[in-house]
Amino acid sequence: MRKKRDEIGDGAEGLGPELGRLWASAPVPKAPSWFAARTMARLRREEDSRKSWFGMPKWVLIGTGLALLALGWFRWESQPTIRDAEVYAALNALVEEDRESRWWAGL
């Protein structure tokens, strides 16, 4: 931790008592105006990046989205599947029904 100028006086860090008091009495230079402007702009950007979507923290929304994605994935896997044999059987039944209806219609 860095010490303040007032705490350094009286020969601390090898300056000697006179030089230490002189250095402690010197005014601290002010930061230039561009430094304050950049600092405020950075703080605004950080504040905007911390803001959340829909009034909730981003990590909650991302976690909810991932949970919904996983739930959808598992539910999609549990959906019944139609095998090729079932599809062909249904098509054959449709063709047979069409033949019978054409025979009855006299076509």
C-alpha atoms as a PDB file:
ATOM      1  CA  MET A   1       0.000   0.000   0.000  1.00  0.00           C
ATOM      2  CA  ARG A   2       1.330   3.393  -0.900  1.00  0.00           C
ATOM      3  CA  LYS A   3       1.723   5.967   1.849  1.00  0.00           C
ATOM      4  CA  LYS A   4       0.421   9.489   1.604  1.00  0.00           C
ATOM      5  CA  ARG A   5       2.851  12.351   1.496  1.00  0.00           C
ATOM      6  CA  ASP A   6       1.952  13.425   5.002  1.00  0.00           C
ATOM      7  CA  GLU A   7       2.906  10.006   6.387  1.00  0.00           C
ATOM      8  CA  ILE A   8       6.311   9.914   4.668  1.00  0.00           C
ATOM      9  CA  GLY A   9       7.958  12.945   6.333  1.00  0.00           C
ATOM     10  CA  ASP A  10      10.707  12.840   8.986  1.00  0.00           C
ATOM     11  CA  GLY A  11      13.240  10.850   6.998  1.00  0.00           C
ATOM     12  CA  ALA A  12      11.035   7.965   5.865  1.00  0.00           C
ATOM     13  CA  GLU A  13      12.286   6.036   2.854  1.00  0.00           C
ATOM     14  CA  GLY A  14      15.708   7.665   3.098  1.00  0.00           C
ATOM     15  CA  LEU A  15      14.706  11.243   2.169  1.00  0.00           C
ATOM     16  CA  GLY A  16      15.967  12.847   5.329  1.00  0.00           C
ATOM     17  CA  PRO A  17      13.892  15.012   7.645  1.00  0.00           C
ATOM     18  CA  GLU A  18      14.282  18.307   5.763  1.00  0.00           C
ATOM     19  CA  LEU A  19      13.684  16.880   2.296  1.00  0.00           C
ATOM     20  CA  GLY A  20      10.795  14.757   3.586  1.00  0.00           C
ATOM     21  CA  ARG A  21       9.040  17.808   5.085  1.00  0.00           C
ATOM     22  CA  LEU A  22       9.663  19.821   1.916  1.00  0.00           C
ATOM     23  CA  TRP A  23       8.298  17.034  -0.274  1.00  0.00           C
ATOM     24  CA  ALA A  24       5.239  16.621   2.009  1.00  0.00           C
ATOM     25  CA  SER A  25       4.502  20.349   1.850  1.00  0.00           C
ATOM     26  CA  ALA A  26       4.465  20.444  -1.972  1.00  0.00           C
ATOM     27  CA  PRO A  27       0.965  20.490  -3.469  1.00  0.00           C
ATOM     28  CA  VAL A  28      -0.233  17.353  -5.197  1.00  0.00           C
ATOM     29  CA  PRO A  29      -0.590  18.021  -8.941  1.00  0.00           C
ATOM     30  CA  LYS A  30      -4.093  17.787 -10.346  1.00  0.00           C
ATOM     31  CA  ALA A  31      -4.922  15.319 -13.069  1.00  0.00           C
ATOM     32  CA  PRO A  32      -5.431  16.792 -16.537  1.00  0.00           C
ATOM     33  CA  SER A  33      -8.989  17.288 -17.758  1.00  0.00           C
ATOM     34  CA  TRP A  34      -8.695  14.556 -20.409  1.00  0.00           C
ATOM     35  CA  PHE A  35      -7.921  12.053 -17.658  1.00  0.00           C
ATOM     36  CA  ALA A  36     -11.161  12.862 -15.859  1.00  0.00           C
ATOM     37  CA  ALA A  37     -13.131  12.669 -19.123  1.00  0.00           C
ATOM     38  CA  ARG A  38     -11.655   9.268 -20.017  1.00  0.00           C
ATOM     39  CA  THR A  39     -12.218   7.962 -16.519  1.00  0.00           C
ATOM     40  CA  MET A  40     -15.864   9.034 -16.520  1.00  0.00           C
ATOM     41  CA  ALA A  41     -16.399   7.510 -19.985  1.00  0.00           C
ATOM     42  CA  ARG A  42     -14.852   4.226 -18.828  1.00  0.00           C
ATOM     43  CA  LEU A  43     -17.032   4.187 -15.716  1.00  0.00           C
ATOM     44  CA  ARG A  44     -20.144   4.767 -17.853  1.00  0.00           C
ATOM     45  CA  ARG A  45     -19.149   1.926 -20.204  1.00  0.00           C
ATOM     46  CA  GLU A  46     -18.592  -0.410 -17.258  1.00  0.00           C
ATOM     47  CA  GLU A  47     -21.942   0.596 -15.768  1.00  0.00           C
ATOM     48  CA  ASP A  48     -23.682  -0.056 -19.090  1.00  0.00           C
ATOM     49  CA  SER A  49     -22.003  -3.444 -19.401  1.00  0.00           C
ATOM     50  CA  ARG A  50     -23.201  -4.383 -15.911  1.00  0.00           C
ATOM     51  CA  LYS A  51     -26.793  -3.503 -16.747  1.00  0.00           C
ATOM     52  CA  SER A  52     -28.988  -6.474 -17.349  1.00  0.00           C
ATOM     53  CA  TRP A  53     -31.622  -7.494 -19.836  1.00  0.00           C
ATOM     54  CA  PHE A  54     -35.255  -7.352 -18.682  1.00  0.00           C
ATOM     55  CA  GLY A  55     -34.220  -6.195 -15.208  1.00  0.00           C
ATOM     56  CA  MET A  56     -32.412  -9.443 -14.362  1.00  0.00           C
ATOM     57  CA  PRO A  57     -28.675 -10.127 -14.189  1.00  0.00           C
ATOM     58  CA  LYS A  58     -27.205 -11.467 -17.413  1.00  0.00           C
ATOM     59  CA  TRP A  59     -25.926 -14.651 -15.758  1.00  0.00           C
ATOM     60  CA  VAL A  60     -29.475 -15.535 -14.647  1.00  0.00           C
ATOM     61  CA  LEU A  61     -30.811 -15.087 -18.179  1.00  0.00           C
ATOM     62  CA  ILE A  62     -27.966 -17.048 -19.745  1.00  0.00           C
ATOM     63  CA  GLY A  63     -28.438 -19.867 -17.223  1.00  0.00           C
ATOM     64  CA  THR A  64     -32.180 -19.935 -17.863  1.00  0.00           C
ATOM     65  CA  GLY A  65     -31.571 -20.040 -21.610  1.00  0.00           C
ATOM     66  CA  LEU A  66     -29.154 -22.942 -21.250  1.00  0.00           C
ATOM     67  CA  ALA A  67     -31.595 -24.812 -19.001  1.00  0.00           C
ATOM     68  CA  LEU A  68     -34.397 -24.338 -21.538  1.00  0.00           C
ATOM     69  CA  LEU A  69     -32.095 -25.507 -24.319  1.00  0.00           C
ATOM     70  CA  ALA A  70     -31.174 -28.643 -22.357  1.00  0.00           C
ATOM     71  CA  LEU A  71     -34.820 -29.312 -21.526  1.00  0.00           C
ATOM     72  CA  GLY A  72     -35.781 -28.943 -25.181  1.00  0.00           C
ATOM     73  CA  TRP A  73     -32.942 -31.225 -26.206  1.00  0.00           C
ATOM     74  CA  PHE A  74     -34.018 -33.981 -23.809  1.00  0.00           C
ATOM     75  CA  ARG A  75     -37.676 -33.624 -24.712  1.00  0.00           C
ATOM     76  CA  TRP A  76     -36.811 -33.741 -28.403  1.00  0.00           C
ATOM     77  CA  GLU A  77     -34.941 -37.000 -27.823  1.00  0.00           C
ATOM     78  CA  SER A  78     -37.965 -38.494 -26.053  1.00  0.00           C
ATOM     79  CA  GLN A  79     -40.302 -37.727 -28.956  1.00  0.00           C
ATOM     80  CA  PRO A  80     -41.642 -40.838 -30.690  1.00  0.00           C
ATOM     81  CA  THR A  81     -39.859 -41.661 -33.917  1.00  0.00           C
ATOM     82  CA  ILE A  82     -41.411 -43.094 -37.040  1.00  0.00           C
ATOM     83  CA  ARG A  83     -39.446 -45.942 -38.529  1.00  0.00           C
ATOM     84  CA  ASP A  84     -39.058 -46.419 -42.257  1.00  0.00           C
ATOM     85  CA  ALA A  85     -41.031 -49.667 -42.122  1.00  0.00           C
ATOM     86  CA  GLU A  86     -44.001 -47.837 -40.588  1.00  0.00           C
ATOM     87  CA  VAL A  87     -43.857 -45.171 -43.299  1.00  0.00           C
ATOM     88  CA  TYR A  88     -43.722 -47.770 -46.071  1.00  0.00           C
ATOM     89  CA  ALA A  89     -46.585 -49.737 -44.476  1.00  0.00           C
ATOM     90  CA  ALA A  90     -48.713 -46.583 -44.338  1.00  0.00           C
ATOM     91  CA  LEU A  91     -47.909 -45.745 -47.983  1.00  0.00           C
ATOM     92  CA  ASN A  92     -48.728 -49.314 -49.056  1.00  0.00           C
ATOM     93  CA  ALA A  93     -52.053 -49.128 -47.200  1.00  0.00           C
ATOM     94  CA  LEU A  94     -52.809 -45.819 -48.930  1.00  0.00           C
ATOM     95  CA  VAL A  95     -52.031 -47.293 -52.354  1.00  0.00           C
ATOM     96  CA  GLU A  96     -54.135 -50.379 -51.614  1.00  0.00           C
ATOM     97  CA  GLU A  97     -57.044 -48.201 -50.472  1.00  0.00           C
ATOM     98  CA  ASP A  98     -56.734 -46.145 -53.680  1.00  0.00           C
ATOM     99  CA  ARG A  99     -56.830 -49.342 -55.790  1.00  0.00           C
ATOM    100  CA  GLU A 100     -59.925 -50.585 -53.984  1.00  0.00           C
ATOM    101  CA  SER A 101     -61.722 -47.269 -54.352  1.00  0.00           C
ATOM    102  CA  ARG A 102     -60.870 -47.152 -58.073  1.00  0.00           C
ATOM    103  CA  TRP A 103     -62.169 -50.722 -58.496  1.00  0.00           C
ATOM    104  CA  TRP A 104     -65.434 -49.836 -56.747  1.00  0.00           C
ATOM    105  CA  ALA A 105     -65.730 -46.667 -58.840  1.00  0.00           C
ATOM    106  CA  GLY A 106     -65.221 -48.678 -61.993  1.00  0.00           C
ATOM    107  CA  LEU A 107     -62.148 -46.837 -63.164  1.00  0.00           C
END
